[in-house]
N, C-alpha and C. Protein backbone atom coordinates (compact mmCIF):
# COMPACT_ATOMS: atom_id res chain seq x y z
N MET A 1 -222.74 185.67 177.22
CA MET A 1 -224.04 185.26 177.70
C MET A 1 -225.06 186.38 177.52
N LYS A 2 -224.60 187.62 177.82
CA LYS A 2 -225.50 188.76 177.67
C LYS A 2 -225.93 188.92 176.21
N THR A 3 -225.00 188.74 175.27
CA THR A 3 -225.35 188.91 173.86
C THR A 3 -226.33 187.84 173.40
N ARG A 4 -226.17 186.64 173.94
CA ARG A 4 -227.12 185.58 173.56
C ARG A 4 -228.51 185.90 174.08
N LEU A 5 -228.59 186.41 175.30
CA LEU A 5 -229.87 186.75 175.87
C LEU A 5 -230.51 187.90 175.10
N LEU A 6 -229.74 188.90 174.76
CA LEU A 6 -230.26 190.03 173.98
C LEU A 6 -230.71 189.57 172.58
N SER A 7 -229.94 188.68 171.97
CA SER A 7 -230.32 188.16 170.65
C SER A 7 -231.63 187.39 170.71
N ALA A 8 -231.80 186.59 171.77
CA ALA A 8 -233.03 185.81 171.93
C ALA A 8 -234.23 186.72 172.14
N ILE A 9 -234.03 187.79 172.93
CA ILE A 9 -235.13 188.74 173.17
C ILE A 9 -235.49 189.47 171.87
N ALA A 10 -234.48 189.89 171.12
CA ALA A 10 -234.73 190.60 169.85
C ALA A 10 -235.46 189.68 168.87
N LEU A 11 -235.03 188.43 168.80
CA LEU A 11 -235.69 187.48 167.91
C LEU A 11 -237.14 187.26 168.31
N SER A 12 -237.41 187.18 169.60
CA SER A 12 -238.78 187.01 170.08
C SER A 12 -239.66 188.19 169.71
N VAL A 13 -239.11 189.40 169.85
CA VAL A 13 -239.87 190.61 169.51
C VAL A 13 -240.21 190.61 168.02
N VAL A 14 -239.22 190.25 167.17
CA VAL A 14 -239.45 190.22 165.73
C VAL A 14 -240.52 189.19 165.39
N LEU A 15 -240.44 188.00 165.97
CA LEU A 15 -241.42 186.95 165.69
C LEU A 15 -242.82 187.36 166.13
N LEU A 16 -242.93 187.96 167.31
CA LEU A 16 -244.24 188.40 167.78
C LEU A 16 -244.82 189.48 166.88
N ALA A 17 -243.99 190.39 166.43
CA ALA A 17 -244.46 191.46 165.56
C ALA A 17 -244.94 190.89 164.23
N SER A 18 -244.18 189.94 163.66
CA SER A 18 -244.60 189.38 162.37
C SER A 18 -245.85 188.54 162.51
N CYS A 19 -246.02 187.82 163.63
CA CYS A 19 -247.24 187.04 163.83
C CYS A 19 -248.46 187.93 163.94
N SER A 20 -248.33 189.02 164.66
CA SER A 20 -249.48 189.91 164.80
C SER A 20 -249.79 190.60 163.48
N GLN A 21 -248.75 190.89 162.68
CA GLN A 21 -248.98 191.51 161.37
C GLN A 21 -249.70 190.53 160.45
N GLY A 22 -249.34 189.23 160.49
CA GLY A 22 -250.00 188.22 159.68
C GLY A 22 -251.46 188.09 160.04
N LYS A 23 -251.77 188.21 161.34
CA LYS A 23 -253.17 188.14 161.78
C LYS A 23 -253.95 189.33 161.26
N ASP A 24 -253.31 190.51 161.24
CA ASP A 24 -253.98 191.70 160.71
C ASP A 24 -254.27 191.55 159.22
N ASP A 25 -253.28 191.03 158.46
CA ASP A 25 -253.48 190.81 157.02
C ASP A 25 -254.61 189.82 156.77
N GLN A 26 -254.62 188.76 157.54
CA GLN A 26 -255.66 187.74 157.39
C GLN A 26 -257.03 188.32 157.72
N ALA A 27 -257.10 189.13 158.76
CA ALA A 27 -258.37 189.75 159.14
C ALA A 27 -258.86 190.68 158.04
N GLU A 28 -257.93 191.41 157.40
CA GLU A 28 -258.31 192.31 156.30
C GLU A 28 -258.83 191.51 155.10
N LYS A 29 -258.20 190.41 154.78
CA LYS A 29 -258.64 189.58 153.67
C LYS A 29 -260.03 189.00 153.93
N ILE A 30 -260.25 188.54 155.14
CA ILE A 30 -261.57 187.99 155.50
C ILE A 30 -262.64 189.07 155.38
N LYS A 31 -262.32 190.26 155.87
CA LYS A 31 -263.27 191.35 155.81
C LYS A 31 -263.60 191.70 154.35
N ALA A 32 -262.59 191.73 153.46
CA ALA A 32 -262.81 192.03 152.04
C ALA A 32 -263.69 190.96 151.40
N LEU A 33 -263.46 189.70 151.71
CA LEU A 33 -264.29 188.62 151.17
C LEU A 33 -265.73 188.71 151.66
N GLU A 34 -265.90 189.03 152.93
CA GLU A 34 -267.25 189.18 153.47
C GLU A 34 -267.99 190.32 152.79
N GLU A 35 -267.28 191.40 152.46
CA GLU A 35 -267.91 192.53 151.77
C GLU A 35 -268.33 192.12 150.35
N LYS A 36 -267.49 191.34 149.67
CA LYS A 36 -267.83 190.88 148.32
C LYS A 36 -269.06 189.98 148.35
N ILE A 37 -269.12 189.10 149.34
CA ILE A 37 -270.28 188.20 149.46
C ILE A 37 -271.54 189.00 149.73
N ALA A 38 -271.44 189.99 150.61
CA ALA A 38 -272.60 190.82 150.92
C ALA A 38 -273.06 191.58 149.68
N ALA A 39 -272.11 192.06 148.87
CA ALA A 39 -272.47 192.77 147.64
C ALA A 39 -273.18 191.84 146.66
N MET A 40 -272.71 190.60 146.56
CA MET A 40 -273.35 189.63 145.65
C MET A 40 -274.75 189.29 146.14
N GLU A 41 -274.92 189.14 147.43
CA GLU A 41 -276.24 188.81 147.97
C GLU A 41 -277.21 189.96 147.77
N GLY A 42 -276.71 191.17 147.76
CA GLY A 42 -277.56 192.34 147.59
C GLY A 42 -278.04 192.53 146.16
N THR A 43 -277.40 191.90 145.18
CA THR A 43 -277.80 192.08 143.78
C THR A 43 -278.91 191.13 143.37
N ASN A 44 -279.21 190.14 144.18
CA ASN A 44 -280.23 189.12 143.86
C ASN A 44 -279.93 188.40 142.55
N THR A 45 -278.66 188.29 142.19
CA THR A 45 -278.27 187.56 141.00
C THR A 45 -277.99 186.12 141.40
N PRO A 46 -278.77 185.17 140.86
CA PRO A 46 -278.52 183.78 141.24
C PRO A 46 -277.19 183.30 140.66
N VAL A 47 -276.46 182.58 141.46
CA VAL A 47 -275.20 182.00 141.03
C VAL A 47 -275.39 180.49 141.06
N PRO A 48 -275.16 179.80 139.94
CA PRO A 48 -275.33 178.35 139.93
C PRO A 48 -274.43 177.70 140.97
N ALA A 49 -274.94 176.65 141.60
CA ALA A 49 -274.20 175.99 142.66
C ALA A 49 -272.89 175.40 142.13
N ASP A 50 -272.90 174.88 140.91
CA ASP A 50 -271.69 174.27 140.37
C ASP A 50 -270.84 175.25 139.57
N MET A 51 -271.27 176.51 139.48
CA MET A 51 -270.57 177.58 138.79
C MET A 51 -270.30 177.26 137.32
N SER A 52 -271.06 176.35 136.71
CA SER A 52 -270.86 176.03 135.31
C SER A 52 -271.55 177.07 134.44
N GLN A 53 -271.04 177.18 133.21
CA GLN A 53 -271.64 178.12 132.28
C GLN A 53 -272.88 177.49 131.67
N THR A 54 -273.84 178.32 131.38
CA THR A 54 -275.05 177.82 130.76
C THR A 54 -275.03 178.17 129.29
N ALA A 55 -275.52 177.28 128.46
CA ALA A 55 -275.55 177.49 127.02
C ALA A 55 -276.89 178.09 126.62
N THR A 56 -276.84 178.98 125.67
CA THR A 56 -278.07 179.55 125.13
C THR A 56 -278.17 179.18 123.66
N ASN A 57 -279.37 179.02 123.19
CA ASN A 57 -279.58 178.69 121.80
C ASN A 57 -279.25 179.89 120.92
N ALA A 58 -278.62 179.61 119.79
CA ALA A 58 -278.28 180.68 118.86
C ALA A 58 -279.53 181.14 118.13
N ASP A 59 -279.56 182.40 117.80
CA ASP A 59 -280.67 182.99 117.06
C ASP A 59 -280.58 182.51 115.62
N PRO A 60 -281.59 181.76 115.11
CA PRO A 60 -281.53 181.24 113.75
C PRO A 60 -281.36 182.32 112.68
N SER A 61 -281.77 183.53 112.99
CA SER A 61 -281.64 184.59 111.98
C SER A 61 -280.20 185.05 111.81
N THR A 62 -279.29 184.56 112.67
CA THR A 62 -277.88 184.92 112.55
C THR A 62 -277.04 183.79 111.98
N LEU A 63 -277.69 182.68 111.60
CA LEU A 63 -276.97 181.50 111.15
C LEU A 63 -277.20 181.20 109.68
N GLY A 64 -276.14 180.73 109.04
CA GLY A 64 -276.26 180.16 107.71
C GLY A 64 -276.48 178.66 107.88
N GLY A 65 -276.65 177.97 106.77
CA GLY A 65 -276.85 176.52 106.85
C GLY A 65 -276.29 175.82 105.63
N PHE A 66 -275.54 174.75 105.86
CA PHE A 66 -274.99 173.96 104.75
C PHE A 66 -276.02 172.96 104.26
N GLN A 67 -276.17 172.87 102.95
CA GLN A 67 -276.92 171.78 102.33
C GLN A 67 -276.04 171.28 101.19
N PHE A 68 -275.25 170.23 101.48
CA PHE A 68 -274.35 169.65 100.49
C PHE A 68 -275.09 168.61 99.67
N SER A 69 -274.75 168.51 98.39
CA SER A 69 -275.33 167.44 97.57
C SER A 69 -274.72 166.10 97.97
N GLU A 70 -273.48 166.09 98.45
CA GLU A 70 -272.84 164.91 99.03
C GLU A 70 -271.81 165.38 100.04
N MET A 71 -271.60 164.57 101.08
CA MET A 71 -270.62 164.93 102.11
C MET A 71 -269.47 163.93 102.15
N GLU A 72 -269.55 162.90 101.32
CA GLU A 72 -268.48 161.91 101.22
C GLU A 72 -268.35 161.51 99.75
N HIS A 73 -267.10 161.38 99.31
CA HIS A 73 -266.84 160.99 97.92
C HIS A 73 -265.85 159.84 97.91
N ASP A 74 -266.19 158.77 97.20
CA ASP A 74 -265.30 157.62 97.05
C ASP A 74 -264.54 157.79 95.74
N PHE A 75 -263.23 157.99 95.82
CA PHE A 75 -262.44 158.16 94.60
C PHE A 75 -261.96 156.84 94.02
N GLY A 76 -262.34 155.73 94.63
CA GLY A 76 -262.01 154.40 94.09
C GLY A 76 -260.57 154.02 94.38
N THR A 77 -259.97 153.30 93.43
CA THR A 77 -258.58 152.86 93.58
C THR A 77 -257.71 153.65 92.62
N ILE A 78 -256.65 154.23 93.16
CA ILE A 78 -255.72 155.02 92.35
C ILE A 78 -254.30 154.53 92.59
N GLN A 79 -253.38 154.91 91.71
CA GLN A 79 -251.97 154.57 91.87
C GLN A 79 -251.29 155.59 92.78
N GLU A 80 -250.35 155.14 93.56
CA GLU A 80 -249.59 156.03 94.44
C GLU A 80 -248.97 157.16 93.61
N GLY A 81 -249.12 158.37 94.09
CA GLY A 81 -248.59 159.54 93.40
C GLY A 81 -249.65 160.33 92.64
N GLN A 82 -250.80 159.70 92.38
CA GLN A 82 -251.87 160.42 91.69
C GLN A 82 -252.49 161.46 92.62
N VAL A 83 -253.01 162.52 92.02
CA VAL A 83 -253.69 163.58 92.77
C VAL A 83 -255.17 163.52 92.40
N VAL A 84 -256.02 163.48 93.43
CA VAL A 84 -257.46 163.42 93.23
C VAL A 84 -258.06 164.73 93.74
N GLU A 85 -258.98 165.27 92.96
CA GLU A 85 -259.63 166.53 93.34
C GLU A 85 -261.15 166.34 93.30
N ARG A 86 -261.82 166.89 94.30
CA ARG A 86 -263.28 166.82 94.34
C ARG A 86 -263.83 168.16 94.81
N VAL A 87 -264.84 168.66 94.11
CA VAL A 87 -265.51 169.90 94.51
C VAL A 87 -266.85 169.51 95.13
N PHE A 88 -267.02 169.88 96.40
CA PHE A 88 -268.27 169.66 97.11
C PHE A 88 -269.06 170.97 97.03
N ASN A 89 -270.18 170.96 96.32
CA ASN A 89 -271.02 172.15 96.20
C ASN A 89 -272.07 172.15 97.30
N PHE A 90 -272.41 173.35 97.77
CA PHE A 90 -273.43 173.47 98.80
C PHE A 90 -274.33 174.66 98.51
N THR A 91 -275.51 174.62 99.12
CA THR A 91 -276.45 175.73 99.09
C THR A 91 -276.63 176.22 100.52
N ASN A 92 -276.68 177.54 100.69
CA ASN A 92 -276.95 178.10 102.02
C ASN A 92 -278.45 178.04 102.24
N ASN A 93 -278.89 177.11 103.10
CA ASN A 93 -280.31 177.01 103.41
C ASN A 93 -280.64 177.66 104.75
N GLY A 94 -279.75 178.54 105.22
CA GLY A 94 -279.98 179.26 106.47
C GLY A 94 -280.67 180.59 106.22
N GLN A 95 -280.79 181.37 107.29
CA GLN A 95 -281.48 182.66 107.23
C GLN A 95 -280.53 183.84 107.14
N ALA A 96 -279.22 183.59 107.23
CA ALA A 96 -278.23 184.66 107.20
C ALA A 96 -277.12 184.27 106.22
N PRO A 97 -276.32 185.24 105.80
CA PRO A 97 -275.17 184.89 104.94
C PRO A 97 -274.28 183.88 105.64
N LEU A 98 -273.88 182.84 104.92
CA LEU A 98 -273.02 181.79 105.46
C LEU A 98 -271.57 182.21 105.28
N VAL A 99 -270.82 182.20 106.37
CA VAL A 99 -269.42 182.60 106.33
C VAL A 99 -268.58 181.44 106.83
N ILE A 100 -267.69 180.93 105.97
CA ILE A 100 -266.75 179.89 106.37
C ILE A 100 -265.55 180.60 106.98
N SER A 101 -265.30 180.38 108.26
CA SER A 101 -264.21 181.07 108.93
C SER A 101 -262.89 180.33 108.80
N ASN A 102 -262.93 178.99 108.68
CA ASN A 102 -261.70 178.22 108.57
C ASN A 102 -262.01 176.82 108.09
N ILE A 103 -261.06 176.24 107.37
CA ILE A 103 -261.14 174.83 106.99
C ILE A 103 -259.77 174.23 107.25
N THR A 104 -259.75 173.09 107.94
CA THR A 104 -258.50 172.39 108.20
C THR A 104 -258.57 170.98 107.63
N ALA A 105 -257.42 170.51 107.14
CA ALA A 105 -257.33 169.17 106.56
C ALA A 105 -256.82 168.20 107.61
N SER A 106 -257.16 166.93 107.44
CA SER A 106 -256.76 165.91 108.40
C SER A 106 -255.27 165.58 108.32
N CYS A 107 -254.64 165.87 107.19
CA CYS A 107 -253.20 165.61 107.07
C CYS A 107 -252.61 166.52 105.99
N GLY A 108 -251.30 166.50 105.88
CA GLY A 108 -250.61 167.33 104.89
C GLY A 108 -250.84 166.88 103.46
N CYS A 109 -251.40 165.70 103.27
CA CYS A 109 -251.65 165.18 101.93
C CYS A 109 -252.93 165.77 101.34
N THR A 110 -253.67 166.50 102.13
CA THR A 110 -254.97 167.04 101.71
C THR A 110 -254.94 168.56 101.81
N SER A 111 -255.40 169.22 100.75
CA SER A 111 -255.45 170.69 100.80
C SER A 111 -256.83 171.17 100.36
N PRO A 112 -257.43 172.06 101.14
CA PRO A 112 -258.76 172.58 100.82
C PRO A 112 -258.70 173.97 100.20
N ASP A 113 -259.76 174.30 99.45
CA ASP A 113 -260.01 175.64 98.96
C ASP A 113 -261.52 175.82 99.09
N TRP A 114 -262.01 177.06 99.23
CA TRP A 114 -263.43 177.26 99.45
C TRP A 114 -263.86 178.65 99.06
N THR A 115 -265.16 178.83 99.01
CA THR A 115 -265.75 180.14 98.75
C THR A 115 -265.40 181.05 99.91
N LYS A 116 -264.67 182.12 99.62
CA LYS A 116 -264.22 183.03 100.69
C LYS A 116 -265.25 184.11 101.02
N ALA A 117 -266.05 184.50 100.04
CA ALA A 117 -267.05 185.55 100.27
C ALA A 117 -268.27 184.95 100.97
N PRO A 118 -269.00 185.75 101.76
CA PRO A 118 -270.23 185.24 102.38
C PRO A 118 -271.21 184.75 101.31
N VAL A 119 -271.83 183.61 101.57
CA VAL A 119 -272.81 183.02 100.64
C VAL A 119 -274.20 183.39 101.15
N GLN A 120 -274.93 184.15 100.36
CA GLN A 120 -276.25 184.64 100.75
C GLN A 120 -277.25 183.47 100.83
N PRO A 121 -278.31 183.60 101.64
CA PRO A 121 -279.33 182.54 101.71
C PRO A 121 -279.86 182.20 100.31
N GLY A 122 -279.92 180.89 100.02
CA GLY A 122 -280.40 180.43 98.72
C GLY A 122 -279.32 180.37 97.65
N GLN A 123 -278.16 180.95 97.89
CA GLN A 123 -277.06 180.94 96.92
C GLN A 123 -276.16 179.72 97.15
N THR A 124 -275.25 179.48 96.21
CA THR A 124 -274.37 178.31 96.30
C THR A 124 -272.92 178.72 96.50
N GLY A 125 -272.16 177.78 97.06
CA GLY A 125 -270.73 177.94 97.26
C GLY A 125 -270.07 176.59 97.07
N PHE A 126 -268.76 176.53 97.31
CA PHE A 126 -268.04 175.27 97.10
C PHE A 126 -266.95 175.09 98.15
N VAL A 127 -266.58 173.82 98.33
CA VAL A 127 -265.39 173.44 99.09
C VAL A 127 -264.66 172.45 98.20
N LYS A 128 -263.45 172.80 97.78
CA LYS A 128 -262.65 171.92 96.92
C LYS A 128 -261.62 171.21 97.78
N VAL A 129 -261.53 169.89 97.63
CA VAL A 129 -260.58 169.08 98.39
C VAL A 129 -259.64 168.40 97.40
N VAL A 130 -258.34 168.58 97.61
CA VAL A 130 -257.32 167.97 96.77
C VAL A 130 -256.52 166.99 97.63
N PHE A 131 -256.47 165.72 97.20
CA PHE A 131 -255.74 164.68 97.92
C PHE A 131 -254.57 164.24 97.08
N ASN A 132 -253.36 164.32 97.63
CA ASN A 132 -252.14 163.89 96.95
C ASN A 132 -251.72 162.56 97.55
N SER A 133 -251.70 161.50 96.75
CA SER A 133 -251.43 160.16 97.27
C SER A 133 -249.95 159.80 97.31
N ALA A 134 -249.06 160.76 97.08
CA ALA A 134 -247.63 160.47 97.15
C ALA A 134 -247.29 159.93 98.54
N ALA A 135 -246.53 158.84 98.57
CA ALA A 135 -246.09 158.18 99.81
C ALA A 135 -247.25 157.64 100.64
N LYS A 136 -248.38 157.38 100.00
CA LYS A 136 -249.54 156.79 100.67
C LYS A 136 -249.83 155.44 100.02
N SER A 137 -250.36 154.51 100.80
CA SER A 137 -250.80 153.24 100.23
C SER A 137 -251.89 152.66 101.10
N GLY A 138 -252.71 151.82 100.48
CA GLY A 138 -253.79 151.19 101.22
C GLY A 138 -255.02 152.08 101.31
N ALA A 139 -255.91 151.74 102.24
CA ALA A 139 -257.16 152.49 102.41
C ALA A 139 -256.85 153.89 102.93
N GLN A 140 -257.52 154.88 102.35
CA GLN A 140 -257.33 156.28 102.73
C GLN A 140 -258.69 156.92 102.96
N SER A 141 -258.75 157.83 103.92
CA SER A 141 -260.00 158.58 104.15
C SER A 141 -259.68 159.99 104.66
N PRO A 142 -259.11 160.82 103.79
CA PRO A 142 -258.81 162.19 104.21
C PRO A 142 -260.09 162.98 104.44
N THR A 143 -260.05 163.86 105.44
CA THR A 143 -261.22 164.68 105.76
C THR A 143 -260.81 166.15 105.83
N VAL A 144 -261.81 167.02 105.66
CA VAL A 144 -261.63 168.45 105.92
C VAL A 144 -262.71 168.84 106.93
N THR A 145 -262.31 169.68 107.88
CA THR A 145 -263.20 170.15 108.92
C THR A 145 -263.49 171.62 108.67
N ILE A 146 -264.78 171.93 108.52
CA ILE A 146 -265.22 173.29 108.18
C ILE A 146 -265.78 173.95 109.43
N GLN A 147 -265.31 175.17 109.70
CA GLN A 147 -265.87 175.97 110.79
C GLN A 147 -266.61 177.14 110.16
N ALA A 148 -267.89 177.29 110.51
CA ALA A 148 -268.72 178.33 109.90
C ALA A 148 -269.80 178.77 110.88
N ASN A 149 -270.53 179.81 110.50
CA ASN A 149 -271.64 180.31 111.33
C ASN A 149 -272.90 179.50 111.07
N THR A 150 -272.80 178.20 111.36
CA THR A 150 -273.90 177.26 111.15
C THR A 150 -274.19 176.55 112.47
N ASN A 151 -275.25 175.78 112.51
CA ASN A 151 -275.56 174.97 113.67
C ASN A 151 -275.72 173.53 113.22
N PRO A 152 -274.77 172.66 113.54
CA PRO A 152 -273.58 172.84 114.36
C PRO A 152 -272.53 173.69 113.64
N SER A 153 -271.59 174.21 114.41
CA SER A 153 -270.60 175.11 113.85
C SER A 153 -269.47 174.39 113.12
N VAL A 154 -269.39 173.07 113.28
CA VAL A 154 -268.36 172.27 112.62
C VAL A 154 -269.01 171.24 111.71
N THR A 155 -268.53 171.17 110.47
CA THR A 155 -269.02 170.20 109.48
C THR A 155 -267.80 169.50 108.88
N ARG A 156 -267.91 168.19 108.64
CA ARG A 156 -266.79 167.44 108.06
C ARG A 156 -267.18 166.84 106.71
N LEU A 157 -266.25 166.96 105.76
CA LEU A 157 -266.38 166.32 104.47
C LEU A 157 -265.28 165.26 104.36
N ARG A 158 -265.58 164.16 103.68
CA ARG A 158 -264.63 163.06 103.63
C ARG A 158 -264.49 162.52 102.21
N MET A 159 -263.27 162.13 101.88
CA MET A 159 -263.00 161.38 100.65
C MET A 159 -262.49 160.01 101.09
N THR A 160 -262.89 158.97 100.39
CA THR A 160 -262.41 157.63 100.72
C THR A 160 -261.92 156.96 99.45
N GLY A 161 -261.07 155.97 99.62
CA GLY A 161 -260.57 155.22 98.49
C GLY A 161 -259.36 154.41 98.90
N SER A 162 -258.72 153.84 97.89
CA SER A 162 -257.56 152.99 98.13
C SER A 162 -256.44 153.42 97.20
N VAL A 163 -255.22 153.37 97.71
CA VAL A 163 -254.04 153.73 96.93
C VAL A 163 -253.19 152.49 96.74
N THR A 164 -252.92 152.17 95.48
CA THR A 164 -252.07 151.04 95.14
C THR A 164 -250.63 151.52 95.11
N PRO A 165 -249.73 150.87 95.86
CA PRO A 165 -248.35 151.34 95.90
C PRO A 165 -247.65 151.18 94.55
N LYS A 166 -246.68 152.07 94.30
CA LYS A 166 -245.87 151.97 93.08
C LYS A 166 -245.03 150.71 93.18
N THR A 167 -244.79 150.11 92.03
CA THR A 167 -243.95 148.92 92.01
C THR A 167 -242.77 149.15 91.09
N ALA A 168 -241.65 148.53 91.40
CA ALA A 168 -240.45 148.67 90.57
C ALA A 168 -240.59 147.80 89.33
N GLY A 169 -240.55 148.39 88.15
CA GLY A 169 -240.63 147.64 86.90
C GLY A 169 -241.98 147.04 86.62
N GLY A 170 -243.01 147.46 87.31
CA GLY A 170 -244.37 146.98 87.04
C GLY A 170 -244.68 145.65 87.68
N ALA A 171 -243.72 145.01 88.37
CA ALA A 171 -243.97 143.73 89.02
C ALA A 171 -244.62 143.96 90.37
N ALA A 172 -245.21 142.90 90.87
CA ALA A 172 -245.83 142.98 92.19
C ALA A 172 -244.75 143.25 93.24
N PRO A 173 -245.08 143.93 94.29
CA PRO A 173 -244.06 144.20 95.31
C PRO A 173 -243.53 142.91 95.91
N ALA A 174 -242.22 142.84 96.06
CA ALA A 174 -241.61 141.64 96.60
C ALA A 174 -241.53 141.71 98.11
N GLY A 175 -241.66 140.57 98.73
CA GLY A 175 -241.55 140.51 100.18
C GLY A 175 -240.10 140.22 100.56
N PRO A 176 -239.89 139.74 101.76
CA PRO A 176 -238.52 139.41 102.18
C PRO A 176 -237.95 138.30 101.30
N VAL A 177 -236.67 138.40 101.00
CA VAL A 177 -236.01 137.43 100.13
C VAL A 177 -235.35 136.37 101.00
N ARG A 178 -235.63 135.09 100.66
CA ARG A 178 -235.02 133.97 101.38
C ARG A 178 -233.95 133.36 100.49
N LYS A 179 -232.85 133.01 101.07
CA LYS A 179 -231.76 132.39 100.30
C LYS A 179 -231.55 130.99 100.76
């Protein structure tokens, strides 16, 4: 009985000590937050109520500009397995050298190549798009997405057309066979 009473007293002392320590930690955290708030109020820096970022307009003197002669090319109807290539030429109509940082294709059937060096204002560059129609059929519209120091920063070029599937022996493709 004595050991149970001593154990209960020891447990109570430990619990009381940990509760008072938690209150001290909480009081310290509150005090630190109040100091941070006071420091922010002292700087007279307005903080937006919704804490969202604000956008600023880019300086036009730091931007290049795309002027493509065409942004979409129709390659018509081709046979499955044919490779179609199109070079999209552009002029930099911006105020700064145009730098293409990346180009991505919409699928593995499309591969891009482009002018890697900065294109000076008034000069020309290219984006070459190669479409491989292997294992493709029907309407196709592969695209390439260009990221550059332009406004907007993303530009898309598109090729469109139709791919006729290969046929065995030159005959029209057969459907399900009924017996």
